[in-house]
ModelCIF file with pLDDT and N, C-alpha, C, O atoms, coordinates in Angstrom:
data_MODEL
#
_entry.id   MODEL 
#
_entity.id                         1 
_entity.type                       polymer 
_entity.pdbx_number_of_molecules   1 
#
_entity_poly.entity_id                      1 
_entity_poly.type                           'polypeptide(L)' 
_entity_poly.nstd_linkage                   no 
_entity_poly.nstd_monomer                   no 
_entity_poly.pdbx_seq_one_letter_code       
;(UNK)(UNK)(UNK)(UNK)(UNK)(UNK)(UNK)(UNK)(UNK)(UNK)(UNK)(UNK)(UNK)(UNK)(UNK)(UNK)
(UNK)(UNK)(UNK)(UNK)(UNK)(UNK)(UNK)(UNK)(UNK)(UNK)(UNK)(UNK)(UNK)(UNK)(UNK)(UNK)
(UNK)(UNK)(UNK)(UNK)(UNK)(UNK)(UNK)(UNK)(UNK)(UNK)(UNK)(UNK)(UNK)
;
_entity_poly.pdbx_seq_one_letter_code_can   XXXXXXXXXXXXXXXXXXXXXXXXXXXXXXXXXXXXXXXXXXXXX 
_entity_poly.pdbx_strand_id                 A 
#
loop_
_entity_poly_seq.entity_id 
_entity_poly_seq.num 
_entity_poly_seq.mon_id 
_entity_poly_seq.hetero 
1 1  UNK n 
1 2  UNK n 
1 3  UNK n 
1 4  UNK n 
1 5  UNK n 
1 6  UNK n 
1 7  UNK n 
1 8  UNK n 
1 9  UNK n 
1 10 UNK n 
1 11 UNK n 
1 12 UNK n 
1 13 UNK n 
1 14 UNK n 
1 15 UNK n 
1 16 UNK n 
1 17 UNK n 
1 18 UNK n 
1 19 UNK n 
1 20 UNK n 
1 21 UNK n 
1 22 UNK n 
1 23 UNK n 
1 24 UNK n 
1 25 UNK n 
1 26 UNK n 
1 27 UNK n 
1 28 UNK n 
1 29 UNK n 
1 30 UNK n 
1 31 UNK n 
1 32 UNK n 
1 33 UNK n 
1 34 UNK n 
1 35 UNK n 
1 36 UNK n 
1 37 UNK n 
1 38 UNK n 
1 39 UNK n 
1 40 UNK n 
1 41 UNK n 
1 42 UNK n 
1 43 UNK n 
1 44 UNK n 
1 45 UNK n 
#
_struct_asym.id          A 
_struct_asym.entity_id   1 
#
loop_
_ma_qa_metric.id 
_ma_qa_metric.mode 
_ma_qa_metric.name 
_ma_qa_metric.software_group_id 
_ma_qa_metric.type 
1 global pLDDT . pLDDT 
2 local  pLDDT . pLDDT 
#
_ma_qa_metric_global.metric_id      1 
_ma_qa_metric_global.metric_value   97.82 
_ma_qa_metric_global.model_id       1 
_ma_qa_metric_global.ordinal_id     1 
#
loop_
_ma_qa_metric_local.label_asym_id 
_ma_qa_metric_local.label_comp_id 
_ma_qa_metric_local.label_seq_id 
_ma_qa_metric_local.metric_id 
_ma_qa_metric_local.metric_value 
_ma_qa_metric_local.model_id 
_ma_qa_metric_local.ordinal_id 
A UNK 1  2 97.00 1 1  
A UNK 2  2 97.00 1 2  
A UNK 3  2 98.00 1 3  
A UNK 4  2 97.00 1 4  
A UNK 5  2 97.00 1 5  
A UNK 6  2 97.00 1 6  
A UNK 7  2 98.00 1 7  
A UNK 8  2 98.00 1 8  
A UNK 9  2 98.00 1 9  
A UNK 10 2 98.00 1 10 
A UNK 11 2 98.00 1 11 
A UNK 12 2 98.00 1 12 
A UNK 13 2 98.00 1 13 
A UNK 14 2 98.00 1 14 
A UNK 15 2 98.00 1 15 
A UNK 16 2 98.00 1 16 
A UNK 17 2 98.00 1 17 
A UNK 18 2 98.00 1 18 
A UNK 19 2 98.00 1 19 
A UNK 20 2 98.00 1 20 
A UNK 21 2 98.00 1 21 
A UNK 22 2 98.00 1 22 
A UNK 23 2 98.00 1 23 
A UNK 24 2 98.00 1 24 
A UNK 25 2 97.00 1 25 
A UNK 26 2 97.00 1 26 
A UNK 27 2 98.00 1 27 
A UNK 28 2 98.00 1 28 
A UNK 29 2 98.00 1 29 
A UNK 30 2 98.00 1 30 
A UNK 31 2 98.00 1 31 
A UNK 32 2 98.00 1 32 
A UNK 33 2 98.00 1 33 
A UNK 34 2 98.00 1 34 
A UNK 35 2 97.00 1 35 
A UNK 36 2 98.00 1 36 
A UNK 37 2 98.00 1 37 
A UNK 38 2 98.00 1 38 
A UNK 39 2 98.00 1 39 
A UNK 40 2 98.00 1 40 
A UNK 41 2 98.00 1 41 
A UNK 42 2 98.00 1 42 
A UNK 43 2 98.00 1 43 
A UNK 44 2 98.00 1 44 
A UNK 45 2 98.00 1 45 
#
loop_
_atom_site.group_PDB 
_atom_site.id 
_atom_site.type_symbol 
_atom_site.label_atom_id 
_atom_site.label_alt_id 
_atom_site.label_comp_id 
_atom_site.label_asym_id 
_atom_site.label_entity_id 
_atom_site.label_seq_id 
_atom_site.pdbx_PDB_ins_code 
_atom_site.Cartn_x 
_atom_site.Cartn_y 
_atom_site.Cartn_z 
_atom_site.occupancy 
_atom_site.B_iso_or_equiv 
_atom_site.pdbx_formal_charge 
_atom_site.auth_seq_id 
_atom_site.auth_comp_id 
_atom_site.auth_asym_id 
_atom_site.auth_atom_id 
_atom_site.pdbx_PDB_model_num 
ATOM 1   N N  . UNK A 1 1  ? -56.549 -62.969 -50.412 1.00 97.00 ? 1  UNK A N  1 
ATOM 2   C CA . UNK A 1 1  ? -58.265 -61.779 -50.109 1.00 97.00 ? 1  UNK A CA 1 
ATOM 3   C C  . UNK A 1 1  ? -58.006 -61.423 -49.111 1.00 97.00 ? 1  UNK A C  1 
ATOM 4   O O  . UNK A 1 1  ? -59.061 -61.010 -48.630 1.00 97.00 ? 1  UNK A O  1 
ATOM 5   N N  . UNK A 1 2  ? -56.498 -61.182 -47.774 1.00 97.00 ? 2  UNK A N  1 
ATOM 6   C CA . UNK A 1 2  ? -55.929 -60.325 -46.670 1.00 97.00 ? 2  UNK A CA 1 
ATOM 7   C C  . UNK A 1 2  ? -55.270 -59.533 -47.266 1.00 97.00 ? 2  UNK A C  1 
ATOM 8   O O  . UNK A 1 2  ? -55.471 -58.327 -47.118 1.00 97.00 ? 2  UNK A O  1 
ATOM 9   N N  . UNK A 1 3  ? -54.386 -59.977 -48.031 1.00 98.00 ? 3  UNK A N  1 
ATOM 10  C CA . UNK A 1 3  ? -52.893 -59.199 -48.733 1.00 98.00 ? 3  UNK A CA 1 
ATOM 11  C C  . UNK A 1 3  ? -53.274 -58.238 -48.788 1.00 98.00 ? 3  UNK A C  1 
ATOM 12  O O  . UNK A 1 3  ? -53.181 -57.439 -47.856 1.00 98.00 ? 3  UNK A O  1 
ATOM 13  N N  . UNK A 1 4  ? -53.969 -57.925 -50.164 1.00 97.00 ? 4  UNK A N  1 
ATOM 14  C CA . UNK A 1 4  ? -54.600 -57.697 -51.365 1.00 97.00 ? 4  UNK A CA 1 
ATOM 15  C C  . UNK A 1 4  ? -54.524 -56.089 -51.259 1.00 97.00 ? 4  UNK A C  1 
ATOM 16  O O  . UNK A 1 4  ? -53.970 -55.408 -52.121 1.00 97.00 ? 4  UNK A O  1 
ATOM 17  N N  . UNK A 1 5  ? -55.122 -55.574 -50.143 1.00 97.00 ? 5  UNK A N  1 
ATOM 18  C CA . UNK A 1 5  ? -55.674 -54.382 -50.068 1.00 97.00 ? 5  UNK A CA 1 
ATOM 19  C C  . UNK A 1 5  ? -54.554 -52.910 -49.893 1.00 97.00 ? 5  UNK A C  1 
ATOM 20  O O  . UNK A 1 5  ? -53.378 -53.173 -50.145 1.00 97.00 ? 5  UNK A O  1 
ATOM 21  N N  . UNK A 1 6  ? -54.754 -51.921 -49.623 1.00 97.00 ? 6  UNK A N  1 
ATOM 22  C CA . UNK A 1 6  ? -53.592 -50.517 -49.980 1.00 97.00 ? 6  UNK A CA 1 
ATOM 23  C C  . UNK A 1 6  ? -52.518 -50.210 -49.001 1.00 97.00 ? 6  UNK A C  1 
ATOM 24  O O  . UNK A 1 6  ? -51.502 -49.609 -49.348 1.00 97.00 ? 6  UNK A O  1 
ATOM 25  N N  . UNK A 1 7  ? -52.793 -50.743 -47.381 1.00 98.00 ? 7  UNK A N  1 
ATOM 26  C CA . UNK A 1 7  ? -51.550 -50.548 -46.827 1.00 98.00 ? 7  UNK A CA 1 
ATOM 27  C C  . UNK A 1 7  ? -50.624 -51.855 -46.798 1.00 98.00 ? 7  UNK A C  1 
ATOM 28  O O  . UNK A 1 7  ? -49.519 -51.854 -46.256 1.00 98.00 ? 7  UNK A O  1 
ATOM 29  N N  . UNK A 1 8  ? -51.099 -52.802 -47.339 1.00 98.00 ? 8  UNK A N  1 
ATOM 30  C CA . UNK A 1 8  ? -50.686 -54.076 -47.009 1.00 98.00 ? 8  UNK A CA 1 
ATOM 31  C C  . UNK A 1 8  ? -50.255 -53.904 -48.157 1.00 98.00 ? 8  UNK A C  1 
ATOM 32  O O  . UNK A 1 8  ? -49.058 -53.720 -47.935 1.00 98.00 ? 8  UNK A O  1 
ATOM 33  N N  . UNK A 1 9  ? -50.411 -53.824 -49.393 1.00 98.00 ? 9  UNK A N  1 
ATOM 34  C CA . UNK A 1 9  ? -49.552 -53.746 -50.162 1.00 98.00 ? 9  UNK A CA 1 
ATOM 35  C C  . UNK A 1 9  ? -48.525 -52.447 -50.390 1.00 98.00 ? 9  UNK A C  1 
ATOM 36  O O  . UNK A 1 9  ? -47.509 -52.580 -51.072 1.00 98.00 ? 9  UNK A O  1 
ATOM 37  N N  . UNK A 1 10 ? -48.786 -51.516 -49.924 1.00 98.00 ? 10 UNK A N  1 
ATOM 38  C CA . UNK A 1 10 ? -47.599 -50.334 -49.738 1.00 98.00 ? 10 UNK A CA 1 
ATOM 39  C C  . UNK A 1 10 ? -46.568 -50.690 -48.797 1.00 98.00 ? 10 UNK A C  1 
ATOM 40  O O  . UNK A 1 10 ? -45.531 -50.026 -48.812 1.00 98.00 ? 10 UNK A O  1 
ATOM 41  N N  . UNK A 1 11 ? -46.779 -52.225 -47.479 1.00 98.00 ? 11 UNK A N  1 
ATOM 42  C CA . UNK A 1 11 ? -45.985 -52.526 -46.798 1.00 98.00 ? 11 UNK A CA 1 
ATOM 43  C C  . UNK A 1 11 ? -45.197 -52.974 -47.218 1.00 98.00 ? 11 UNK A C  1 
ATOM 44  O O  . UNK A 1 11 ? -44.118 -52.659 -46.716 1.00 98.00 ? 11 UNK A O  1 
ATOM 45  N N  . UNK A 1 12 ? -45.152 -54.152 -48.580 1.00 98.00 ? 12 UNK A N  1 
ATOM 46  C CA . UNK A 1 12 ? -44.455 -54.936 -49.510 1.00 98.00 ? 12 UNK A CA 1 
ATOM 47  C C  . UNK A 1 12 ? -43.564 -54.258 -50.169 1.00 98.00 ? 12 UNK A C  1 
ATOM 48  O O  . UNK A 1 12 ? -42.358 -54.506 -50.167 1.00 98.00 ? 12 UNK A O  1 
ATOM 49  N N  . UNK A 1 13 ? -44.161 -53.284 -50.822 1.00 98.00 ? 13 UNK A N  1 
ATOM 50  C CA . UNK A 1 13 ? -43.346 -52.599 -51.434 1.00 98.00 ? 13 UNK A CA 1 
ATOM 51  C C  . UNK A 1 13 ? -41.863 -51.709 -50.942 1.00 98.00 ? 13 UNK A C  1 
ATOM 52  O O  . UNK A 1 13 ? -40.760 -51.600 -51.477 1.00 98.00 ? 13 UNK A O  1 
ATOM 53  N N  . UNK A 1 14 ? -42.480 -51.131 -49.601 1.00 98.00 ? 14 UNK A N  1 
ATOM 54  C CA . UNK A 1 14 ? -41.640 -50.752 -48.727 1.00 98.00 ? 14 UNK A CA 1 
ATOM 55  C C  . UNK A 1 14 ? -40.127 -51.556 -48.215 1.00 98.00 ? 14 UNK A C  1 
ATOM 56  O O  . UNK A 1 14 ? -38.935 -51.264 -48.114 1.00 98.00 ? 14 UNK A O  1 
ATOM 57  N N  . UNK A 1 15 ? -40.998 -52.707 -47.984 1.00 98.00 ? 15 UNK A N  1 
ATOM 58  C CA . UNK A 1 15 ? -39.807 -53.811 -47.336 1.00 98.00 ? 15 UNK A CA 1 
ATOM 59  C C  . UNK A 1 15 ? -39.481 -54.126 -48.650 1.00 98.00 ? 15 UNK A C  1 
ATOM 60  O O  . UNK A 1 15 ? -38.703 -55.047 -48.400 1.00 98.00 ? 15 UNK A O  1 
ATOM 61  N N  . UNK A 1 16 ? -39.498 -54.023 -50.362 1.00 98.00 ? 16 UNK A N  1 
ATOM 62  C CA . UNK A 1 16 ? -38.888 -54.295 -51.608 1.00 98.00 ? 16 UNK A CA 1 
ATOM 63  C C  . UNK A 1 16 ? -37.866 -53.484 -51.338 1.00 98.00 ? 16 UNK A C  1 
ATOM 64  O O  . UNK A 1 16 ? -36.765 -53.572 -50.795 1.00 98.00 ? 16 UNK A O  1 
ATOM 65  N N  . UNK A 1 17 ? -38.639 -52.517 -51.958 1.00 98.00 ? 17 UNK A N  1 
ATOM 66  C CA . UNK A 1 17 ? -36.840 -50.685 -51.706 1.00 98.00 ? 17 UNK A CA 1 
ATOM 67  C C  . UNK A 1 17 ? -36.200 -51.258 -50.763 1.00 98.00 ? 17 UNK A C  1 
ATOM 68  O O  . UNK A 1 17 ? -35.253 -52.010 -50.989 1.00 98.00 ? 17 UNK A O  1 
ATOM 69  N N  . UNK A 1 18 ? -36.790 -50.878 -49.151 1.00 98.00 ? 18 UNK A N  1 
ATOM 70  C CA . UNK A 1 18 ? -35.655 -51.126 -48.409 1.00 98.00 ? 18 UNK A CA 1 
ATOM 71  C C  . UNK A 1 18 ? -34.698 -52.699 -48.369 1.00 98.00 ? 18 UNK A C  1 
ATOM 72  O O  . UNK A 1 18 ? -33.631 -52.992 -47.830 1.00 98.00 ? 18 UNK A O  1 
ATOM 73  N N  . UNK A 1 19 ? -35.550 -53.378 -49.106 1.00 98.00 ? 19 UNK A N  1 
ATOM 74  C CA . UNK A 1 19 ? -34.376 -55.290 -48.765 1.00 98.00 ? 19 UNK A CA 1 
ATOM 75  C C  . UNK A 1 19 ? -33.661 -54.447 -50.040 1.00 98.00 ? 19 UNK A C  1 
ATOM 76  O O  . UNK A 1 19 ? -32.780 -53.734 -49.559 1.00 98.00 ? 19 UNK A O  1 
ATOM 77  N N  . UNK A 1 20 ? -33.747 -54.284 -51.554 1.00 98.00 ? 20 UNK A N  1 
ATOM 78  C CA . UNK A 1 20 ? -33.268 -54.295 -52.393 1.00 98.00 ? 20 UNK A CA 1 
ATOM 79  C C  . UNK A 1 20 ? -32.072 -53.093 -52.098 1.00 98.00 ? 20 UNK A C  1 
ATOM 80  O O  . UNK A 1 20 ? -31.048 -53.603 -52.554 1.00 98.00 ? 20 UNK A O  1 
ATOM 81  N N  . UNK A 1 21 ? -31.819 -52.130 -51.709 1.00 98.00 ? 21 UNK A N  1 
ATOM 82  C CA . UNK A 1 21 ? -31.144 -50.933 -50.830 1.00 98.00 ? 21 UNK A CA 1 
ATOM 83  C C  . UNK A 1 21 ? -30.319 -51.662 -49.745 1.00 98.00 ? 21 UNK A C  1 
ATOM 84  O O  . UNK A 1 21 ? -29.239 -51.560 -50.326 1.00 98.00 ? 21 UNK A O  1 
ATOM 85  N N  . UNK A 1 22 ? -30.012 -52.328 -48.593 1.00 98.00 ? 22 UNK A N  1 
ATOM 86  C CA . UNK A 1 22 ? -29.990 -53.405 -48.240 1.00 98.00 ? 22 UNK A CA 1 
ATOM 87  C C  . UNK A 1 22 ? -29.069 -53.850 -49.145 1.00 98.00 ? 22 UNK A C  1 
ATOM 88  O O  . UNK A 1 22 ? -27.967 -53.361 -49.390 1.00 98.00 ? 22 UNK A O  1 
ATOM 89  N N  . UNK A 1 23 ? -29.482 -54.608 -49.524 1.00 98.00 ? 23 UNK A N  1 
ATOM 90  C CA . UNK A 1 23 ? -28.130 -56.130 -50.204 1.00 98.00 ? 23 UNK A CA 1 
ATOM 91  C C  . UNK A 1 23 ? -27.307 -55.175 -51.115 1.00 98.00 ? 23 UNK A C  1 
ATOM 92  O O  . UNK A 1 23 ? -26.079 -55.235 -51.042 1.00 98.00 ? 23 UNK A O  1 
ATOM 93  N N  . UNK A 1 24 ? -28.002 -54.147 -52.116 1.00 98.00 ? 24 UNK A N  1 
ATOM 94  C CA . UNK A 1 24 ? -27.032 -53.839 -52.468 1.00 98.00 ? 24 UNK A CA 1 
ATOM 95  C C  . UNK A 1 24 ? -25.288 -52.948 -51.559 1.00 98.00 ? 24 UNK A C  1 
ATOM 96  O O  . UNK A 1 24 ? -24.058 -52.903 -51.542 1.00 98.00 ? 24 UNK A O  1 
ATOM 97  N N  . UNK A 1 25 ? -26.559 -52.439 -50.984 1.00 97.00 ? 25 UNK A N  1 
ATOM 98  C CA . UNK A 1 25 ? -24.824 -51.414 -49.594 1.00 97.00 ? 25 UNK A CA 1 
ATOM 99  C C  . UNK A 1 25 ? -23.801 -52.842 -48.902 1.00 97.00 ? 25 UNK A C  1 
ATOM 100 O O  . UNK A 1 25 ? -22.620 -52.780 -48.558 1.00 97.00 ? 25 UNK A O  1 
ATOM 101 N N  . UNK A 1 26 ? -24.495 -53.759 -48.870 1.00 97.00 ? 26 UNK A N  1 
ATOM 102 C CA . UNK A 1 26 ? -23.482 -54.724 -47.935 1.00 97.00 ? 26 UNK A CA 1 
ATOM 103 C C  . UNK A 1 26 ? -23.112 -55.754 -49.060 1.00 97.00 ? 26 UNK A C  1 
ATOM 104 O O  . UNK A 1 26 ? -22.212 -56.594 -49.040 1.00 97.00 ? 26 UNK A O  1 
ATOM 105 N N  . UNK A 1 27 ? -23.952 -55.508 -49.966 1.00 98.00 ? 27 UNK A N  1 
ATOM 106 C CA . UNK A 1 27 ? -23.342 -56.729 -51.023 1.00 98.00 ? 27 UNK A CA 1 
ATOM 107 C C  . UNK A 1 27 ? -23.561 -58.413 -50.958 1.00 98.00 ? 27 UNK A C  1 
ATOM 108 O O  . UNK A 1 27 ? -22.816 -59.271 -51.431 1.00 98.00 ? 27 UNK A O  1 
ATOM 109 N N  . UNK A 1 28 ? -25.141 -58.647 -50.033 1.00 98.00 ? 28 UNK A N  1 
ATOM 110 C CA . UNK A 1 28 ? -25.619 -59.861 -50.076 1.00 98.00 ? 28 UNK A CA 1 
ATOM 111 C C  . UNK A 1 28 ? -26.833 -59.452 -50.903 1.00 98.00 ? 28 UNK A C  1 
ATOM 112 O O  . UNK A 1 28 ? -27.549 -58.505 -51.228 1.00 98.00 ? 28 UNK A O  1 
ATOM 113 N N  . UNK A 1 29 ? -26.562 -61.100 -51.076 1.00 98.00 ? 29 UNK A N  1 
ATOM 114 C CA . UNK A 1 29 ? -28.764 -61.777 -51.469 1.00 98.00 ? 29 UNK A CA 1 
ATOM 115 C C  . UNK A 1 29 ? -29.285 -61.635 -50.421 1.00 98.00 ? 29 UNK A C  1 
ATOM 116 O O  . UNK A 1 29 ? -28.861 -61.721 -49.268 1.00 98.00 ? 29 UNK A O  1 
ATOM 117 N N  . UNK A 1 30 ? -31.035 -61.219 -51.194 1.00 98.00 ? 30 UNK A N  1 
ATOM 118 C CA . UNK A 1 30 ? -31.892 -61.172 -50.323 1.00 98.00 ? 30 UNK A CA 1 
ATOM 119 C C  . UNK A 1 30 ? -31.760 -62.868 -49.359 1.00 98.00 ? 30 UNK A C  1 
ATOM 120 O O  . UNK A 1 30 ? -31.709 -63.180 -48.170 1.00 98.00 ? 30 UNK A O  1 
ATOM 121 N N  . UNK A 1 31 ? -31.749 -63.504 -50.486 1.00 98.00 ? 31 UNK A N  1 
ATOM 122 C CA . UNK A 1 31 ? -31.402 -65.115 -49.567 1.00 98.00 ? 31 UNK A CA 1 
ATOM 123 C C  . UNK A 1 31 ? -30.710 -65.576 -48.419 1.00 98.00 ? 31 UNK A C  1 
ATOM 124 O O  . UNK A 1 31 ? -30.801 -66.247 -47.391 1.00 98.00 ? 31 UNK A O  1 
ATOM 125 N N  . UNK A 1 32 ? -29.714 -64.623 -49.366 1.00 98.00 ? 32 UNK A N  1 
ATOM 126 C CA . UNK A 1 32 ? -28.444 -64.720 -47.506 1.00 98.00 ? 32 UNK A CA 1 
ATOM 127 C C  . UNK A 1 32 ? -29.309 -64.237 -46.366 1.00 98.00 ? 32 UNK A C  1 
ATOM 128 O O  . UNK A 1 32 ? -29.486 -64.863 -45.321 1.00 98.00 ? 32 UNK A O  1 
ATOM 129 N N  . UNK A 1 33 ? -30.054 -62.559 -46.797 1.00 98.00 ? 33 UNK A N  1 
ATOM 130 C CA . UNK A 1 33 ? -30.378 -61.859 -45.843 1.00 98.00 ? 33 UNK A CA 1 
ATOM 131 C C  . UNK A 1 33 ? -30.935 -62.842 -44.597 1.00 98.00 ? 33 UNK A C  1 
ATOM 132 O O  . UNK A 1 33 ? -30.479 -63.012 -43.467 1.00 98.00 ? 33 UNK A O  1 
ATOM 133 N N  . UNK A 1 34 ? -32.146 -63.439 -45.290 1.00 98.00 ? 34 UNK A N  1 
ATOM 134 C CA . UNK A 1 34 ? -33.169 -64.221 -44.844 1.00 98.00 ? 34 UNK A CA 1 
ATOM 135 C C  . UNK A 1 34 ? -32.570 -65.121 -44.051 1.00 98.00 ? 34 UNK A C  1 
ATOM 136 O O  . UNK A 1 34 ? -32.593 -65.101 -42.821 1.00 98.00 ? 34 UNK A O  1 
ATOM 137 N N  . UNK A 1 35 ? -31.733 -66.354 -45.118 1.00 97.00 ? 35 UNK A N  1 
ATOM 138 C CA . UNK A 1 35 ? -30.732 -67.527 -43.823 1.00 97.00 ? 35 UNK A CA 1 
ATOM 139 C C  . UNK A 1 35 ? -29.667 -67.010 -42.659 1.00 97.00 ? 35 UNK A C  1 
ATOM 140 O O  . UNK A 1 35 ? -29.221 -67.651 -41.707 1.00 97.00 ? 35 UNK A O  1 
ATOM 141 N N  . UNK A 1 36 ? -29.373 -65.452 -43.103 1.00 98.00 ? 36 UNK A N  1 
ATOM 142 C CA . UNK A 1 36 ? -28.468 -65.153 -41.615 1.00 98.00 ? 36 UNK A CA 1 
ATOM 143 C C  . UNK A 1 36 ? -28.891 -64.332 -40.663 1.00 98.00 ? 36 UNK A C  1 
ATOM 144 O O  . UNK A 1 36 ? -28.980 -63.114 -40.819 1.00 98.00 ? 36 UNK A O  1 
ATOM 145 N N  . UNK A 1 37 ? -29.175 -64.937 -39.627 1.00 98.00 ? 37 UNK A N  1 
ATOM 146 C CA . UNK A 1 37 ? -29.577 -64.287 -38.704 1.00 98.00 ? 37 UNK A CA 1 
ATOM 147 C C  . UNK A 1 37 ? -29.552 -63.172 -38.007 1.00 98.00 ? 37 UNK A C  1 
ATOM 148 O O  . UNK A 1 37 ? -30.443 -62.531 -37.450 1.00 98.00 ? 37 UNK A O  1 
ATOM 149 N N  . UNK A 1 38 ? -27.653 -62.923 -38.178 1.00 98.00 ? 38 UNK A N  1 
ATOM 150 C CA . UNK A 1 38 ? -27.207 -61.169 -37.717 1.00 98.00 ? 38 UNK A CA 1 
ATOM 151 C C  . UNK A 1 38 ? -27.716 -60.689 -39.075 1.00 98.00 ? 38 UNK A C  1 
ATOM 152 O O  . UNK A 1 38 ? -28.648 -59.907 -38.886 1.00 98.00 ? 38 UNK A O  1 
ATOM 153 N N  . UNK A 1 39 ? -27.389 -60.908 -40.710 1.00 98.00 ? 39 UNK A N  1 
ATOM 154 C CA . UNK A 1 39 ? -28.312 -59.971 -41.836 1.00 98.00 ? 39 UNK A CA 1 
ATOM 155 C C  . UNK A 1 39 ? -29.327 -59.332 -41.742 1.00 98.00 ? 39 UNK A C  1 
ATOM 156 O O  . UNK A 1 39 ? -29.511 -58.161 -42.075 1.00 98.00 ? 39 UNK A O  1 
ATOM 157 N N  . UNK A 1 40 ? -30.510 -60.543 -40.980 1.00 98.00 ? 40 UNK A N  1 
ATOM 158 C CA . UNK A 1 40 ? -31.771 -60.761 -40.764 1.00 98.00 ? 40 UNK A CA 1 
ATOM 159 C C  . UNK A 1 40 ? -32.370 -59.048 -39.576 1.00 98.00 ? 40 UNK A C  1 
ATOM 160 O O  . UNK A 1 40 ? -33.115 -58.088 -39.776 1.00 98.00 ? 40 UNK A O  1 
ATOM 161 N N  . UNK A 1 41 ? -31.489 -59.528 -38.403 1.00 98.00 ? 41 UNK A N  1 
ATOM 162 C CA . UNK A 1 41 ? -31.789 -58.647 -37.568 1.00 98.00 ? 41 UNK A CA 1 
ATOM 163 C C  . UNK A 1 41 ? -31.917 -57.654 -37.841 1.00 98.00 ? 41 UNK A C  1 
ATOM 164 O O  . UNK A 1 41 ? -32.861 -56.898 -37.611 1.00 98.00 ? 41 UNK A O  1 
ATOM 165 N N  . UNK A 1 42 ? -30.231 -57.355 -38.817 1.00 98.00 ? 42 UNK A N  1 
ATOM 166 C CA . UNK A 1 42 ? -29.912 -55.929 -39.363 1.00 98.00 ? 42 UNK A CA 1 
ATOM 167 C C  . UNK A 1 42 ? -30.892 -55.568 -39.822 1.00 98.00 ? 42 UNK A C  1 
ATOM 168 O O  . UNK A 1 42 ? -31.408 -54.644 -39.193 1.00 98.00 ? 42 UNK A O  1 
ATOM 169 N N  . UNK A 1 43 ? -31.643 -56.042 -41.065 1.00 98.00 ? 43 UNK A N  1 
ATOM 170 C CA . UNK A 1 43 ? -32.448 -56.001 -41.914 1.00 98.00 ? 43 UNK A CA 1 
ATOM 171 C C  . UNK A 1 43 ? -34.096 -55.296 -41.255 1.00 98.00 ? 43 UNK A C  1 
ATOM 172 O O  . UNK A 1 43 ? -35.001 -54.544 -41.619 1.00 98.00 ? 43 UNK A O  1 
ATOM 173 N N  . UNK A 1 44 ? -33.738 -56.051 -40.205 1.00 98.00 ? 44 UNK A N  1 
ATOM 174 C CA . UNK A 1 44 ? -35.372 -55.714 -39.569 1.00 98.00 ? 44 UNK A CA 1 
ATOM 175 C C  . UNK A 1 44 ? -34.774 -54.485 -38.410 1.00 98.00 ? 44 UNK A C  1 
ATOM 176 O O  . UNK A 1 44 ? -35.609 -53.734 -37.907 1.00 98.00 ? 44 UNK A O  1 
ATOM 177 N N  . UNK A 1 45 ? -33.935 -54.405 -38.197 1.00 98.00 ? 45 UNK A N  1 
ATOM 178 C CA . UNK A 1 45 ? -33.656 -53.063 -37.236 1.00 98.00 ? 45 UNK A CA 1 
ATOM 179 C C  . UNK A 1 45 ? -33.440 -51.967 -37.944 1.00 98.00 ? 45 UNK A C  1 
ATOM 180 O O  . UNK A 1 45 ? -33.219 -50.898 -37.375 1.00 98.00 ? 45 UNK A O  1 
#
């Protein structure tokens, strides 16, 4: 009920597109990004 609105949907899509490109560039999986502190910090940066 809170996550369904326009700017949040946009942010989810932007995060997904960025994550996919990031994983392709570095040859890692989304799960590995989340569970590897250095990779997570790199994505967030």
